[in-house]
PDB file of N, CA and C in Angstrom:
ATOM      1  N   MET A   1       0.915  -1.283  -0.191  1.00  0.00           N
ATOM      2  CA  MET A   1      -0.093   0.080   0.026  1.00  0.00           C
ATOM      3  C   MET A   1       0.835   1.125  -0.029  1.00  0.00           C
ATOM      4  N   GLY A   2       2.066   1.332   0.800  1.00  0.00           N
ATOM      5  CA  GLY A   2       2.788   2.242   0.821  1.00  0.00           C
ATOM      6  C   GLY A   2       3.509   2.696  -0.595  1.00  0.00           C
ATOM      7  N   ARG A   3       3.835   1.477  -1.211  1.00  0.00           N
ATOM      8  CA  ARG A   3       4.427   1.889  -2.555  1.00  0.00           C
ATOM      9  C   ARG A   3       3.566   2.512  -3.596  1.00  0.00           C
ATOM     10  N   ILE A   4       2.202   2.267  -3.424  1.00  0.00           N
ATOM     11  CA  ILE A   4       1.341   2.665  -4.287  1.00  0.00           C
ATOM     12  C   ILE A   4       1.054   4.206  -3.938  1.00  0.00           C
ATOM     13  N   LEU A   5       0.949   4.376  -2.620  1.00  0.00           N
ATOM     14  CA  LEU A   5       0.923   5.869  -2.356  1.00  0.00           C
ATOM     15  C   LEU A   5       2.001   6.748  -2.605  1.00  0.00           C
ATOM     16  N   ILE A   6       3.168   6.350  -2.662  1.00  0.00           N
ATOM     17  CA  ILE A   6       4.336   7.143  -2.998  1.00  0.00           C
ATOM     18  C   ILE A   6       4.343   7.097  -4.371  1.00  0.00           C
ATOM     19  N   SER A   7       4.075   6.235  -5.176  1.00  0.00           N
ATOM     20  CA  SER A   7       3.907   6.362  -6.635  1.00  0.00           C
ATOM     21  C   SER A   7       2.884   7.241  -7.171  1.00  0.00           C
ATOM     22  N   ALA A   8       1.798   7.258  -6.371  1.00  0.00           N
ATOM     23  CA  ALA A   8       0.670   8.270  -6.707  1.00  0.00           C
ATOM     24  C   ALA A   8       1.114   9.791  -6.612  1.00  0.00           C
ATOM     25  N   GLY A   9       1.741   9.905  -5.331  1.00  0.00           N
ATOM     26  CA  GLY A   9       2.262  11.127  -4.970  1.00  0.00           C
ATOM     27  C   GLY A   9       3.299  11.740  -5.857  1.00  0.00           C
ATOM     28  N   ILE A  10       4.140  10.898  -6.407  1.00  0.00           N
ATOM     29  CA  ILE A  10       5.178  11.297  -7.465  1.00  0.00           C
ATOM     30  C   ILE A  10       4.553  11.651  -8.580  1.00  0.00           C
ATOM     31  N   LEU A  11       3.484  10.745  -8.973  1.00  0.00           N
ATOM     32  CA  LEU A  11       2.985  11.180 -10.285  1.00  0.00           C
ATOM     33  C   LEU A  11       2.221  12.561 -10.198  1.00  0.00           C
ATOM     34  N   LEU A  12       1.560  12.648  -9.010  1.00  0.00           N
ATOM     35  CA  LEU A  12       0.725  14.015  -9.000  1.00  0.00           C
ATOM     36  C   LEU A  12       1.715  15.238  -8.853  1.00  0.00           C
ATOM     37  N   VAL A  13       2.946  15.100  -8.281  1.00  0.00           N
ATOM     38  CA  VAL A  13       3.953  16.139  -8.403  1.00  0.00           C
ATOM     39  C   VAL A  13       4.327  16.377  -9.657  1.00  0.00           C
ATOM     40  N   ALA A  14       4.611  15.176 -10.349  1.00  0.00           N
ATOM     41  CA  ALA A  14       4.939  15.476 -11.967  1.00  0.00           C
ATOM     42  C   ALA A  14       3.766  15.975 -12.693  1.00  0.00           C
ATOM     43  N   ALA A  15       2.812  15.740 -12.617  1.00  0.00           N
ATOM     44  CA  ALA A  15       1.433  16.319 -13.383  1.00  0.00           C
ATOM     45  C   ALA A  15       1.472  17.678 -12.902  1.00  0.00           C
ATOM     46  N   GLY A  16       1.657  18.213 -11.570  1.00  0.00           N
ATOM     47  CA  GLY A  16       1.660  19.612 -11.256  1.00  0.00           C
ATOM     48  C   GLY A  16       2.818  20.332 -11.984  1.00  0.00           C
ATOM     49  N   LEU A  17       4.027  19.877 -12.044  1.00  0.00           N
ATOM     50  CA  LEU A  17       5.137  20.408 -12.843  1.00  0.00           C
ATOM     51  C   LEU A  17       4.894  20.639 -14.146  1.00  0.00           C
ATOM     52  N   VAL A  18       4.164  19.599 -14.686  1.00  0.00           N
ATOM     53  CA  VAL A  18       3.980  19.647 -16.207  1.00  0.00           C
ATOM     54  C   VAL A  18       2.883  20.779 -16.411  1.00  0.00           C
ATOM     55  N   VAL A  19       1.740  20.852 -15.693  1.00  0.00           N
ATOM     56  CA  VAL A  19       0.870  22.073 -15.834  1.00  0.00           C
ATOM     57  C   VAL A  19       1.406  23.533 -15.414  1.00  0.00           C
ATOM     58  N   PHE A  20       2.462  23.561 -14.560  1.00  0.00           N
ATOM     59  CA  PHE A  20       3.078  24.679 -14.079  1.00  0.00           C
ATOM     60  C   PHE A  20       4.011  25.206 -15.329  1.00  0.00           C
ATOM     61  N   VAL A  21       4.941  24.369 -15.891  1.00  0.00           N
ATOM     62  CA  VAL A  21       5.750  24.745 -16.984  1.00  0.00           C
ATOM     63  C   VAL A  21       4.780  24.831 -18.373  1.00  0.00           C
ATOM     64  N   ALA A  22       3.775  24.271 -18.542  1.00  0.00           N
ATOM     65  CA  ALA A  22       2.947  24.669 -19.551  1.00  0.00           C
ATOM     66  C   ALA A  22       2.418  25.986 -19.545  1.00  0.00           C
ATOM     67  N   GLU A  23       2.075  26.318 -18.408  1.00  0.00           N
ATOM     68  CA  GLU A  23       1.411  27.610 -18.312  1.00  0.00           C
ATOM     69  C   GLU A  23       2.581  28.672 -18.508  1.00  0.00           C
ATOM     70  N   ARG A  24       3.506  28.509 -18.037  1.00  0.00           N
ATOM     71  CA  ARG A  24       4.748  29.420 -18.392  1.00  0.00           C
ATOM     72  C   ARG A  24       5.212  29.514 -19.730  1.00  0.00           C
ATOM     73  N   ALA A  25       4.895  28.376 -20.301  1.00  0.00           N
ATOM     74  CA  ALA A  25       5.202  28.503 -21.819  1.00  0.00           C
ATOM     75  C   ALA A  25       3.963  28.906 -22.732  1.00  0.00           C
ATOM     76  N   GLY A  26       2.901  29.326 -22.043  1.00  0.00           N
ATOM     77  CA  GLY A  26       1.705  29.935 -22.913  1.00  0.00           C
ATOM     78  C   GLY A  26       0.779  28.847 -23.287  1.00  0.00           C
ATOM     79  N   ILE A  27       0.684  27.688 -22.919  1.00  0.00           N
ATOM     80  CA  ILE A  27      -0.082  26.790 -22.946  1.00  0.00           C
ATOM     81  C   ILE A  27      -1.047  26.488 -21.728  1.00  0.00           C
ATOM     82  N   ARG A  28      -2.213  27.021 -21.932  1.00  0.00           N
ATOM     83  CA  ARG A  28      -3.187  26.701 -20.653  1.00  0.00           C
ATOM     84  C   ARG A  28      -4.000  25.797 -20.855  1.00  0.00           C
ATOM     85  N   LEU A  29      -4.126  24.562 -20.103  1.00  0.00           N
ATOM     86  CA  LEU A  29      -4.992  23.618 -20.312  1.00  0.00           C
ATOM     87  C   LEU A  29      -6.420  24.154 -20.038  1.00  0.00           C
ATOM     88  N   GLY A  30      -7.294  23.546 -20.931  1.00  0.00           N
ATOM     89  CA  GLY A  30      -8.496  24.075 -20.665  1.00  0.00           C
ATOM     90  C   GLY A  30      -8.937  25.295 -21.698  1.00  0.00           C
ATOM     91  N   ARG A  31      -8.020  25.891 -22.242  1.00  0.00           N
ATOM     92  CA  ARG A  31      -8.143  26.952 -23.052  1.00  0.00           C
ATOM     93  C   ARG A  31      -7.427  26.809 -24.308  1.00  0.00           C
ATOM     94  N   LEU A  32      -7.319  25.418 -24.802  1.00  0.00           N
ATOM     95  CA  LEU A  32      -6.495  25.173 -26.035  1.00  0.00           C
ATOM     96  C   LEU A  32      -7.407  25.458 -27.186  1.00  0.00           C
ATOM     97  N   PRO A  33      -6.841  25.718 -28.430  1.00  0.00           N
ATOM     98  CA  PRO A  33      -7.573  25.664 -29.581  1.00  0.00           C
ATOM     99  C   PRO A  33      -8.311  24.480 -29.839  1.00  0.00           C
ATOM    100  N   GLY A  34      -9.644  24.636 -30.272  1.00  0.00           N
ATOM    101  CA  GLY A  34     -10.401  23.558 -30.498  1.00  0.00           C
ATOM    102  C   GLY A  34     -11.462  23.282 -29.332  1.00  0.00           C
ATOM    103  N   ASP A  35     -11.148  23.901 -28.299  1.00  0.00           N
ATOM    104  CA  ASP A  35     -11.930  23.759 -27.024  1.00  0.00           C
ATOM    105  C   ASP A  35     -13.502  24.334 -27.498  1.00  0.00           C
ATOM    106  N   ILE A  36     -14.515  23.969 -27.016  1.00  0.00           N
ATOM    107  CA  ILE A  36     -15.847  24.414 -27.597  1.00  0.00           C
ATOM    108  C   ILE A  36     -16.107  25.382 -26.448  1.00  0.00           C
ATOM    109  N   ARG A  37     -16.417  26.770 -26.719  1.00  0.00           N
ATOM    110  CA  ARG A  37     -17.111  27.575 -25.848  1.00  0.00           C
ATOM    111  C   ARG A  37     -18.353  28.446 -26.777  1.00  0.00           C
ATOM    112  N   LEU A  38     -19.394  28.341 -25.936  1.00  0.00           N
ATOM    113  CA  LEU A  38     -20.615  28.882 -26.633  1.00  0.00           C
ATOM    114  C   LEU A  38     -21.084  29.918 -25.554  1.00  0.00           C
ATOM    115  N   GLU A  39     -21.423  31.117 -25.894  1.00  0.00           N
ATOM    116  CA  GLU A  39     -21.773  32.045 -25.044  1.00  0.00           C
ATOM    117  C   GLU A  39     -23.117  32.659 -25.461  1.00  0.00           C
ATOM    118  N   GLY A  40     -23.947  32.779 -24.638  1.00  0.00           N
ATOM    119  CA  GLY A  40     -25.374  33.479 -25.000  1.00  0.00           C
ATOM    120  C   GLY A  40     -25.699  34.665 -24.132  1.00  0.00           C
ATOM    121  N   LYS A  41     -26.880  34.931 -24.128  1.00  0.00           N
ATOM    122  CA  LYS A  41     -27.531  36.136 -23.300  1.00  0.00           C
ATOM    123  C   LYS A  41     -27.639  35.626 -22.015  1.00  0.00           C
ATOM    124  N   HIS A  42     -28.138  34.262 -21.706  1.00  0.00           N
ATOM    125  CA  HIS A  42     -28.731  33.779 -20.571  1.00  0.00           C
ATOM    126  C   HIS A  42     -27.726  32.790 -20.100  1.00  0.00           C
ATOM    127  N   GLY A  43     -26.433  32.476 -20.471  1.00  0.00           N
ATOM    128  CA  GLY A  43     -25.572  31.513 -19.952  1.00  0.00           C
ATOM    129  C   GLY A  43     -24.467  31.107 -20.886  1.00  0.00           C
ATOM    130  N   ALA A  44     -23.816  30.155 -20.675  1.00  0.00           N
ATOM    131  CA  ALA A  44     -22.581  29.777 -21.198  1.00  0.00           C
ATOM    132  C   ALA A  44     -22.396  28.214 -21.269  1.00  0.00           C
ATOM    133  N   PHE A  45     -21.852  27.780 -22.560  1.00  0.00           N
ATOM    134  CA  PHE A  45     -21.554  26.302 -22.598  1.00  0.00           C
ATOM    135  C   PHE A  45     -19.902  26.265 -22.696  1.00  0.00           C
ATOM    136  N   TYR A  46     -19.354  25.338 -21.907  1.00  0.00           N
ATOM    137  CA  TYR A  46     -17.865  25.167 -22.345  1.00  0.00           C
ATOM    138  C   TYR A  46     -17.608  23.629 -22.151  1.00  0.00           C
ATOM    139  N   PHE A  47     -16.966  23.205 -23.220  1.00  0.00           N
ATOM    140  CA  PHE A  47     -16.562  21.836 -23.175  1.00  0.00           C
ATOM    141  C   PHE A  47     -14.986  21.804 -23.770  1.00  0.00           C
ATOM    142  N   PRO A  48     -14.003  21.466 -22.916  1.00  0.00           N
ATOM    143  CA  PRO A  48     -12.781  21.469 -23.311  1.00  0.00           C
ATOM    144  C   PRO A  48     -12.329  20.200 -23.984  1.00  0.00           C
ATOM    145  N   ILE A  49     -12.894  19.751 -25.053  1.00  0.00           N
ATOM    146  CA  ILE A  49     -12.643  18.565 -25.947  1.00  0.00           C
ATOM    147  C   ILE A  49     -11.304  18.280 -26.218  1.00  0.00           C
ATOM    148  N   VAL A  50     -10.435  19.161 -26.722  1.00  0.00           N
ATOM    149  CA  VAL A  50      -9.111  19.190 -27.096  1.00  0.00           C
ATOM    150  C   VAL A  50      -8.365  18.817 -25.863  1.00  0.00           C
ATOM    151  N   THR A  51      -8.391  19.444 -24.797  1.00  0.00           N
ATOM    152  CA  THR A  51      -7.881  19.316 -23.445  1.00  0.00           C
ATOM    153  C   THR A  51      -8.081  17.842 -22.903  1.00  0.00           C
ATOM    154  N   CYS A  52      -9.442  17.357 -23.263  1.00  0.00           N
ATOM    155  CA  CYS A  52      -9.703  15.981 -22.748  1.00  0.00           C
ATOM    156  C   CYS A  52      -8.987  14.958 -23.677  1.00  0.00           C
ATOM    157  N   ILE A  53      -8.837  15.206 -24.885  1.00  0.00           N
ATOM    158  CA  ILE A  53      -8.270  14.308 -25.791  1.00  0.00           C
ATOM    159  C   ILE A  53      -6.767  14.340 -25.367  1.00  0.00           C
ATOM    160  N   LEU A  54      -5.980  15.551 -25.012  1.00  0.00           N
ATOM    161  CA  LEU A  54      -4.679  15.512 -24.839  1.00  0.00           C
ATOM    162  C   LEU A  54      -4.408  14.780 -23.685  1.00  0.00           C
ATOM    163  N   ILE A  55      -5.188  14.909 -22.598  1.00  0.00           N
ATOM    164  CA  ILE A  55      -4.979  14.303 -21.267  1.00  0.00           C
ATOM    165  C   ILE A  55      -5.132  12.800 -21.319  1.00  0.00           C
ATOM    166  N   SER A  56      -6.087  12.417 -22.347  1.00  0.00           N
ATOM    167  CA  SER A  56      -6.426  10.899 -22.465  1.00  0.00           C
ATOM    168  C   SER A  56      -5.198  10.224 -23.244  1.00  0.00           C
ATOM    169  N   VAL A  57      -4.718  11.088 -24.066  1.00  0.00           N
ATOM    170  CA  VAL A  57      -3.482  10.520 -24.912  1.00  0.00           C
ATOM    171  C   VAL A  57      -2.109  10.358 -23.878  1.00  0.00           C
ATOM    172  N   LEU A  58      -2.096  11.356 -22.837  1.00  0.00           N
ATOM    173  CA  LEU A  58      -0.903  11.359 -22.050  1.00  0.00           C
ATOM    174  C   LEU A  58      -0.925  10.095 -20.980  1.00  0.00           C
ATOM    175  N   LEU A  59      -2.231   9.931 -20.449  1.00  0.00           N
ATOM    176  CA  LEU A  59      -2.552   8.881 -19.560  1.00  0.00           C
ATOM    177  C   LEU A  59      -2.395   7.616 -20.123  1.00  0.00           C
ATOM    178  N   SER A  60      -2.775   7.368 -21.540  1.00  0.00           N
ATOM    179  CA  SER A  60      -2.610   6.101 -22.226  1.00  0.00           C
ATOM    180  C   SER A  60      -1.246   5.881 -22.322  1.00  0.00           C
ATOM    181  N   LEU A  61      -0.484   6.843 -22.567  1.00  0.00           N
ATOM    182  CA  LEU A  61       0.904   6.725 -22.891  1.00  0.00           C
ATOM    183  C   LEU A  61       1.561   6.185 -21.653  1.00  0.00           C
ATOM    184  N   ILE A  62       1.317   6.777 -20.259  1.00  0.00           N
ATOM    185  CA  ILE A  62       1.808   6.532 -19.184  1.00  0.00           C
ATOM    186  C   ILE A  62       1.422   5.177 -18.838  1.00  0.00           C
ATOM    187  N   ALA A  63       0.136   4.854 -18.937  1.00  0.00           N
ATOM    188  CA  ALA A  63      -0.312   3.395 -18.664  1.00  0.00           C
ATOM    189  C   ALA A  63       0.326   2.322 -19.564  1.00  0.00           C
ATOM    190  N   TRP A  64       0.631   2.644 -20.855  1.00  0.00           N
ATOM    191  CA  TRP A  64       1.537   1.760 -21.598  1.00  0.00           C
ATOM    192  C   TRP A  64       2.758   1.509 -21.308  1.00  0.00           C
ATOM    193  N   LEU A  65       3.496   2.641 -20.975  1.00  0.00           N
ATOM    194  CA  LEU A  65       4.843   2.549 -20.327  1.00  0.00           C
ATOM    195  C   LEU A  65       4.987   1.561 -19.144  1.00  0.00           C
ATOM    196  N   PHE A  66       3.995   1.589 -18.091  1.00  0.00           N
ATOM    197  CA  PHE A  66       4.103   0.951 -17.015  1.00  0.00           C
ATOM    198  C   PHE A  66       3.603  -0.386 -17.223  1.00  0.00           C
ATOM    199  N   ARG A  67       2.722  -0.706 -18.360  1.00  0.00           N
ATOM    200  CA  ARG A  67       2.347  -2.111 -18.448  1.00  0.00           C
ATOM    201  C   ARG A  67       3.618  -2.900 -19.068  1.00  0.00           C
ATOM    202  N   SER A  68       4.458  -2.129 -19.918  1.00  0.00           N
ATOM    203  CA  SER A  68       5.507  -2.851 -20.544  1.00  0.00           C
ATOM    204  C   SER A  68       6.496  -3.419 -19.773  1.00  0.00           C
ATOM    205  N   ARG A  69       6.557  -3.037 -18.484  1.00  0.00           N
ATOM    206  CA  ARG A  69       7.660  -3.559 -17.524  1.00  0.00           C
ATOM    207  C   ARG A  69       7.229  -4.712 -16.964  1.00  0.00           C
TER     208      ARG A  69
END
């Protein structure tokens, strides 16, 4: 159990660093080109589809790397 918690903590710190560095480089997750944003008089709809695809690809790559060991 301890090994899993340590791995999860390291992964969370790494994800935080990636987000931090990406924001410094001008890439803001949730506001990428292709994310859907519709605004009207009485409300707004926002769906970050490109961000979801990017995160899915990254998580799939990480899972693939851990499975191959």
